[in-house]
Amino acid sequence: GEASDPPAPAAGLPPPAERGATVIPDRMV
């Protein structure tokens, strides 16, 4: 029944785009 606010950014962490990448190995693909 209540709209929730988006989670606050974690203190001290870089933006998600700068944190890393998801790598899917060739074998899994």
Full PDB file with SEQRES, HELIX, SHEET, SSBOND, CRYST1, ORIGX, SCALE, CONECT and MASTER records, all heavy atoms in Angstrom:
SEQRES   1 A   29  GLY GLU ALA SER ASP PRO PRO ALA PRO ALA ALA GLY LEU          
SEQRES   2 A   29  PRO PRO PRO ALA GLU ARG GLY ALA THR VAL ILE PRO ASP          
SEQRES   3 A   29  ARG MET VAL                                                  
HELIX    1 AA1 PRO A   16  ARG A   19  1                                   4    
CRYST1    1.000    1.000    1.000  90.00  90.00  90.00 P 1           1          
ORIGX1      1.000000  0.000000  0.000000        0.00000                         
ORIGX2      0.000000  1.000000  0.000000        0.00000                         
ORIGX3      0.000000  0.000000  1.000000        0.00000                         
SCALE1      1.000000  0.000000  0.000000        0.00000                         
SCALE2      0.000000  1.000000  0.000000        0.00000                         
SCALE3      0.000000  0.000000  1.000000        0.00000                         
ATOM      1  N   GLY A   1       0.782  -1.215   0.000  1.00  0.00           N  
ATOM      2  CA  GLY A   1       0.000   0.000   0.000  1.00  0.00           C  
ATOM      3  C   GLY A   1       0.820   1.275   0.000  1.00  0.00           C  
ATOM      4  O   GLY A   1       0.290   2.354  -0.134  1.00  0.00           O  
ATOM      5  N   GLU A   2       2.125   1.188   0.156  1.00  0.00           N  
ATOM      6  CA  GLU A   2       2.964   2.378   0.247  1.00  0.00           C  
ATOM      7  C   GLU A   2       4.070   2.334  -0.789  1.00  0.00           C  
ATOM      8  O   GLU A   2       4.727   1.315  -0.968  1.00  0.00           O  
ATOM      9  CB  GLU A   2       3.577   2.443   1.650  1.00  0.00           C  
ATOM     10  CG  GLU A   2       4.488   3.635   1.855  1.00  0.00           C  
ATOM     11  CD  GLU A   2       5.060   3.623   3.263  1.00  0.00           C  
ATOM     12  OE1 GLU A   2       4.295   3.603   4.222  1.00  0.00           O  
ATOM     13  OE2 GLU A   2       6.293   3.607   3.367  1.00  0.00           O  
ATOM     14  N   ALA A   3       4.272   3.451  -1.442  1.00  0.00           N  
ATOM     15  CA  ALA A   3       5.370   3.541  -2.408  1.00  0.00           C  
ATOM     16  C   ALA A   3       6.666   3.652  -1.633  1.00  0.00           C  
ATOM     17  O   ALA A   3       6.785   4.436  -0.695  1.00  0.00           O  
ATOM     18  CB  ALA A   3       5.178   4.751  -3.307  1.00  0.00           C  
ATOM     19  N   SER A   4       7.642   2.857  -2.002  1.00  0.00           N  
ATOM     20  CA  SER A   4       8.910   2.897  -1.280  1.00  0.00           C  
ATOM     21  C   SER A   4       9.907   3.747  -2.052  1.00  0.00           C  
ATOM     22  O   SER A   4       9.883   3.814  -3.271  1.00  0.00           O  
ATOM     23  CB  SER A   4       9.459   1.490  -1.072  1.00  0.00           C  
ATOM     24  OG  SER A   4       9.659   0.873  -2.316  1.00  0.00           O  
ATOM     25  N   ASP A   5      10.777   4.396  -1.315  1.00  0.00           N  
ATOM     26  CA  ASP A   5      11.817   5.209  -1.921  1.00  0.00           C  
ATOM     27  C   ASP A   5      12.903   4.308  -2.465  1.00  0.00           C  
ATOM     28  O   ASP A   5      13.139   3.221  -1.937  1.00  0.00           O  
ATOM     29  CB  ASP A   5      12.422   6.157  -0.874  1.00  0.00           C  
ATOM     30  CG  ASP A   5      11.409   7.200  -0.413  1.00  0.00           C  
ATOM     31  OD1 ASP A   5      10.564   7.586  -1.232  1.00  0.00           O  
ATOM     32  OD2 ASP A   5      11.473   7.595   0.763  1.00  0.00           O  
ATOM     33  N   PRO A   6      13.609   4.735  -3.520  1.00  0.00           N  
ATOM     34  CA  PRO A   6      14.714   3.919  -4.024  1.00  0.00           C  
ATOM     35  C   PRO A   6      15.796   3.838  -2.956  1.00  0.00           C  
ATOM     36  O   PRO A   6      15.954   4.740  -2.143  1.00  0.00           O  
ATOM     37  CB  PRO A   6      15.195   4.677  -5.266  1.00  0.00           C  
ATOM     38  CG  PRO A   6      14.653   6.057  -5.146  1.00  0.00           C  
ATOM     39  CD  PRO A   6      13.446   5.973  -4.269  1.00  0.00           C  
ATOM     40  N   PRO A   7      16.547   2.724  -2.934  1.00  0.00           N  
ATOM     41  CA  PRO A   7      17.575   2.569  -1.923  1.00  0.00           C  
ATOM     42  C   PRO A   7      18.637   3.654  -2.069  1.00  0.00           C  
ATOM     43  O   PRO A   7      18.977   4.077  -3.166  1.00  0.00           O  
ATOM     44  CB  PRO A   7      18.157   1.176  -2.183  1.00  0.00           C  
ATOM     45  CG  PRO A   7      17.730   0.830  -3.564  1.00  0.00           C  
ATOM     46  CD  PRO A   7      16.489   1.620  -3.860  1.00  0.00           C  
ATOM     47  N   ALA A   8      19.128   4.098  -0.931  1.00  0.00           N  
ATOM     48  CA  ALA A   8      20.170   5.124  -0.928  1.00  0.00           C  
ATOM     49  C   ALA A   8      21.466   4.527  -1.449  1.00  0.00           C  
ATOM     50  O   ALA A   8      21.766   3.352  -1.201  1.00  0.00           O  
ATOM     51  CB  ALA A   8      20.366   5.651   0.486  1.00  0.00           C  
ATOM     52  N   PRO A   9      22.267   5.311  -2.192  1.00  0.00           N  
ATOM     53  CA  PRO A   9      23.535   4.786  -2.692  1.00  0.00           C  
ATOM     54  C   PRO A   9      24.458   4.435  -1.530  1.00  0.00           C  
ATOM     55  O   PRO A   9      24.466   5.100  -0.510  1.00  0.00           O  
ATOM     56  CB  PRO A   9      24.102   5.918  -3.544  1.00  0.00           C  
ATOM     57  CG  PRO A   9      23.285   7.135  -3.240  1.00  0.00           C  
ATOM     58  CD  PRO A   9      22.029   6.684  -2.578  1.00  0.00           C  
ATOM     59  N   ALA A  10      25.186   3.346  -1.689  1.00  0.00           N  
ATOM     60  CA  ALA A  10      26.107   2.900  -0.646  1.00  0.00           C  
ATOM     61  C   ALA A  10      27.239   3.909  -0.512  1.00  0.00           C  
ATOM     62  O   ALA A  10      27.823   4.347  -1.498  1.00  0.00           O  
ATOM     63  CB  ALA A  10      26.652   1.529  -0.995  1.00  0.00           C  
ATOM     64  N   ALA A  11      27.518   4.274   0.722  1.00  0.00           N  
ATOM     65  CA  ALA A  11      28.565   5.267   0.986  1.00  0.00           C  
ATOM     66  C   ALA A  11      29.926   4.702   0.616  1.00  0.00           C  
ATOM     67  O   ALA A  11      30.266   3.578   0.961  1.00  0.00           O  
ATOM     68  CB  ALA A  11      28.534   5.663   2.456  1.00  0.00           C  
ATOM     69  N   GLY A  12      30.679   5.471  -0.123  1.00  0.00           N  
ATOM     70  CA  GLY A  12      32.046   5.081  -0.453  1.00  0.00           C  
ATOM     71  C   GLY A  12      32.195   4.178  -1.666  1.00  0.00           C  
ATOM     72  O   GLY A  12      33.312   3.838  -2.034  1.00  0.00           O  
ATOM     73  N   LEU A  13      31.095   3.727  -2.277  1.00  0.00           N  
ATOM     74  CA  LEU A  13      31.190   2.856  -3.448  1.00  0.00           C  
ATOM     75  C   LEU A  13      31.099   3.684  -4.724  1.00  0.00           C  
ATOM     76  O   LEU A  13      30.321   4.634  -4.800  1.00  0.00           O  
ATOM     77  CB  LEU A  13      30.068   1.821  -3.454  1.00  0.00           C  
ATOM     78  CG  LEU A  13      30.150   0.703  -2.429  1.00  0.00           C  
ATOM     79  CD1 LEU A  13      28.916  -0.180  -2.533  1.00  0.00           C  
ATOM     80  CD2 LEU A  13      31.394  -0.119  -2.618  1.00  0.00           C  
ATOM     81  N   PRO A  14      31.867   3.319  -5.741  1.00  0.00           N  
ATOM     82  CA  PRO A  14      31.750   4.019  -7.020  1.00  0.00           C  
ATOM     83  C   PRO A  14      30.414   3.674  -7.682  1.00  0.00           C  
ATOM     84  O   PRO A  14      29.766   2.701  -7.308  1.00  0.00           O  
ATOM     85  CB  PRO A  14      32.927   3.482  -7.834  1.00  0.00           C  
ATOM     86  CG  PRO A  14      33.321   2.216  -7.188  1.00  0.00           C  
ATOM     87  CD  PRO A  14      32.894   2.296  -5.757  1.00  0.00           C  
ATOM     88  N   PRO A  15      29.989   4.438  -8.683  1.00  0.00           N  
ATOM     89  CA  PRO A  15      28.743   4.133  -9.392  1.00  0.00           C  
ATOM     90  C   PRO A  15      28.782   2.716  -9.970  1.00  0.00           C  
ATOM     91  O   PRO A  15      29.858   2.188 -10.274  1.00  0.00           O  
ATOM     92  CB  PRO A  15      28.701   5.174 -10.520  1.00  0.00           C  
ATOM     93  CG  PRO A  15      29.662   6.234 -10.130  1.00  0.00           C  
ATOM     94  CD  PRO A  15      30.666   5.611  -9.219  1.00  0.00           C  
ATOM     95  N   PRO A  16      27.609   2.085 -10.118  1.00  0.00           N  
ATOM     96  CA  PRO A  16      27.563   0.699 -10.609  1.00  0.00           C  
ATOM     97  C   PRO A  16      28.327   0.474 -11.907  1.00  0.00           C  
ATOM     98  O   PRO A  16      28.962  -0.561 -12.076  1.00  0.00           O  
ATOM     99  CB  PRO A  16      26.070   0.435 -10.798  1.00  0.00           C  
ATOM    100  CG  PRO A  16      25.402   1.370  -9.860  1.00  0.00           C  
ATOM    101  CD  PRO A  16      26.276   2.589  -9.797  1.00  0.00           C  
ATOM    102  N   ALA A  17      28.284   1.421 -12.825  1.00  0.00           N  
ATOM    103  CA  ALA A  17      28.962   1.250 -14.114  1.00  0.00           C  
ATOM    104  C   ALA A  17      30.473   1.174 -13.963  1.00  0.00           C  
ATOM    105  O   ALA A  17      31.164   0.617 -14.817  1.00  0.00           O  
ATOM    106  CB  ALA A  17      28.597   2.376 -15.064  1.00  0.00           C  
ATOM    107  N   GLU A  18      30.997   1.700 -12.878  1.00  0.00           N  
ATOM    108  CA  GLU A  18      32.443   1.705 -12.674  1.00  0.00           C  
ATOM    109  C   GLU A  18      32.922   0.577 -11.762  1.00  0.00           C  
ATOM    110  O   GLU A  18      34.111   0.409 -11.542  1.00  0.00           O  
ATOM    111  CB  GLU A  18      32.880   3.050 -12.081  1.00  0.00           C  
ATOM    112  CG  GLU A  18      32.650   4.210 -13.014  1.00  0.00           C  
ATOM    113  CD  GLU A  18      33.002   5.548 -12.367  1.00  0.00           C  
ATOM    114  OE1 GLU A  18      33.621   5.546 -11.282  1.00  0.00           O  
ATOM    115  OE2 GLU A  18      32.656   6.576 -12.955  1.00  0.00           O  
ATOM    116  N   ARG A  19      32.004  -0.190 -11.195  1.00  0.00           N  
ATOM    117  CA  ARG A  19      32.385  -1.244 -10.247  1.00  0.00           C  
ATOM    118  C   ARG A  19      32.958  -2.480 -10.913  1.00  0.00           C  
ATOM    119  O   ARG A  19      33.695  -3.231 -10.316  1.00  0.00           O  
ATOM    120  CB  ARG A  19      31.167  -1.666  -9.420  1.00  0.00           C  
ATOM    121  CG  ARG A  19      30.738  -0.620  -8.451  1.00  0.00           C  
ATOM    122  CD  ARG A  19      29.609  -1.136  -7.602  1.00  0.00           C  
ATOM    123  NE  ARG A  19      28.850   0.001  -7.106  1.00  0.00           N  
ATOM    124  CZ  ARG A  19      27.652  -0.079  -6.612  1.00  0.00           C  
ATOM    125  NH1 ARG A  19      27.043  -1.241  -6.541  1.00  0.00           N  
ATOM    126  NH2 ARG A  19      27.038   0.999  -6.190  1.00  0.00           N  
ATOM    127  N   GLY A  20      32.588  -2.763 -12.138  1.00  0.00           N  
ATOM    128  CA  GLY A  20      33.081  -3.965 -12.792  1.00  0.00           C  
ATOM    129  C   GLY A  20      32.141  -4.409 -13.883  1.00  0.00           C  
ATOM    130  O   GLY A  20      31.236  -3.682 -14.274  1.00  0.00           O  
ATOM    131  N   ALA A  21      32.353  -5.616 -14.359  1.00  0.00           N  
ATOM    132  CA  ALA A  21      31.549  -6.151 -15.448  1.00  0.00           C  
ATOM    133  C   ALA A  21      31.208  -7.606 -15.169  1.00  0.00           C  
ATOM    134  O   ALA A  21      31.945  -8.301 -14.474  1.00  0.00           O  
ATOM    135  CB  ALA A  21      32.309  -6.051 -16.765  1.00  0.00           C  
ATOM    136  N   THR A  22      30.102  -8.028 -15.712  1.00  0.00           N  
ATOM    137  CA  THR A  22      29.725  -9.433 -15.635  1.00  0.00           C  
ATOM    138  C   THR A  22      30.333 -10.135 -16.839  1.00  0.00           C  
ATOM    139  O   THR A  22      30.116  -9.720 -17.969  1.00  0.00           O  
ATOM    140  CB  THR A  22      28.201  -9.590 -15.664  1.00  0.00           C  
ATOM    141  OG1 THR A  22      27.649  -8.872 -14.563  1.00  0.00           O  
ATOM    142  CG2 THR A  22      27.795 -11.051 -15.585  1.00  0.00           C  
ATOM    143  N   VAL A  23      31.093 -11.180 -16.578  1.00  0.00           N  
ATOM    144  CA  VAL A  23      31.749 -11.924 -17.650  1.00  0.00           C  
ATOM    145  C   VAL A  23      31.150 -13.325 -17.699  1.00  0.00           C  
ATOM    146  O   VAL A  23      31.116 -14.029 -16.697  1.00  0.00           O  
ATOM    147  CB  VAL A  23      33.278 -12.004 -17.403  1.00  0.00           C  
ATOM    148  CG1 VAL A  23      33.936 -12.834 -18.485  1.00  0.00           C  
ATOM    149  CG2 VAL A  23      33.873 -10.616 -17.328  1.00  0.00           C  
ATOM    150  N   ILE A  24      30.675 -13.702 -18.883  1.00  0.00           N  
ATOM    151  CA  ILE A  24      30.129 -15.045 -19.083  1.00  0.00           C  
ATOM    152  C   ILE A  24      31.153 -15.816 -19.898  1.00  0.00           C  
ATOM    153  O   ILE A  24      31.430 -15.464 -21.043  1.00  0.00           O  
ATOM    154  CB  ILE A  24      28.774 -14.997 -19.815  1.00  0.00           C  
ATOM    155  CG1 ILE A  24      27.791 -14.113 -19.046  1.00  0.00           C  
ATOM    156  CG2 ILE A  24      28.211 -16.402 -19.976  1.00  0.00           C  
ATOM    157  CD1 ILE A  24      26.491 -13.861 -19.773  1.00  0.00           C  
ATOM    158  N   PRO A  25      31.740 -16.869 -19.322  1.00  0.00           N  
ATOM    159  CA  PRO A  25      32.766 -17.632 -20.044  1.00  0.00           C  
ATOM    160  C   PRO A  25      32.233 -18.281 -21.321  1.00  0.00           C  
ATOM    161  O   PRO A  25      31.050 -18.618 -21.417  1.00  0.00           O  
ATOM    162  CB  PRO A  25      33.192 -18.710 -19.041  1.00  0.00           C  
ATOM    163  CG  PRO A  25      32.715 -18.236 -17.714  1.00  0.00           C  
ATOM    164  CD  PRO A  25      31.515 -17.369 -17.977  1.00  0.00           C  
ATOM    165  N   ASP A  26      33.125 -18.467 -22.272  1.00  0.00           N  
ATOM    166  CA  ASP A  26      32.772 -19.098 -23.553  1.00  0.00           C  
ATOM    167  C   ASP A  26      32.067 -20.435 -23.328  1.00  0.00           C  
ATOM    168  O   ASP A  26      31.100 -20.760 -24.015  1.00  0.00           O  
ATOM    169  CB  ASP A  26      34.024 -19.341 -24.394  1.00  0.00           C  
ATOM    170  CG  ASP A  26      34.703 -18.059 -24.847  1.00  0.00           C  
ATOM    171  OD1 ASP A  26      34.207 -16.964 -24.518  1.00  0.00           O  
ATOM    172  OD2 ASP A  26      35.728 -18.163 -25.525  1.00  0.00           O  
ATOM    173  N   ARG A  27      32.564 -21.189 -22.368  1.00  0.00           N  
ATOM    174  CA  ARG A  27      32.024 -22.527 -22.125  1.00  0.00           C  
ATOM    175  C   ARG A  27      30.551 -22.479 -21.697  1.00  0.00           C  
ATOM    176  O   ARG A  27      29.751 -23.319 -22.099  1.00  0.00           O  
ATOM    177  CB  ARG A  27      32.862 -23.212 -21.051  1.00  0.00           C  
ATOM    178  CG  ARG A  27      32.698 -24.694 -21.037  1.00  0.00           C  
ATOM    179  CD  ARG A  27      33.744 -25.306 -20.159  1.00  0.00           C  
ATOM    180  NE  ARG A  27      33.053 -25.948 -19.055  1.00  0.00           N  
ATOM    181  CZ  ARG A  27      33.618 -26.408 -17.984  1.00  0.00           C  
ATOM    182  NH1 ARG A  27      34.901 -26.278 -17.816  1.00  0.00           N  
ATOM    183  NH2 ARG A  27      32.922 -27.000 -17.058  1.00  0.00           N  
ATOM    184  N   MET A  28      30.194 -21.484 -20.898  1.00  0.00           N  
ATOM    185  CA  MET A  28      28.803 -21.360 -20.459  1.00  0.00           C  
ATOM    186  C   MET A  28      27.901 -20.914 -21.606  1.00  0.00           C  
ATOM    187  O   MET A  28      26.781 -21.400 -21.737  1.00  0.00           O  
ATOM    188  CB  MET A  28      28.684 -20.366 -19.301  1.00  0.00           C  
ATOM    189  CG  MET A  28      29.257 -20.860 -18.002  1.00  0.00           C  
ATOM    190  SD  MET A  28      28.418 -22.337 -17.396  1.00  0.00           S  
ATOM    191  CE  MET A  28      29.574 -23.609 -17.847  1.00  0.00           C  
ATOM    192  N   VAL A  29      28.398 -20.016 -22.428  1.00  0.00           N  
ATOM    193  CA  VAL A  29      27.618 -19.586 -23.598  1.00  0.00           C  
ATOM    194  C   VAL A  29      27.419 -20.781 -24.535  1.00  0.00           C  
ATOM    195  O   VAL A  29      26.332 -20.971 -25.089  1.00  0.00           O  
ATOM    196  CB  VAL A  29      28.302 -18.409 -24.322  1.00  0.00           C  
ATOM    197  CG1 VAL A  29      27.547 -18.039 -25.584  1.00  0.00           C  
ATOM    198  CG2 VAL A  29      28.409 -17.201 -23.401  1.00  0.00           C  
TER     199      VAL A  29                                                      
MASTER        0    0    0    1    0    0    0    6  198    1    0    3          
END                                                                             
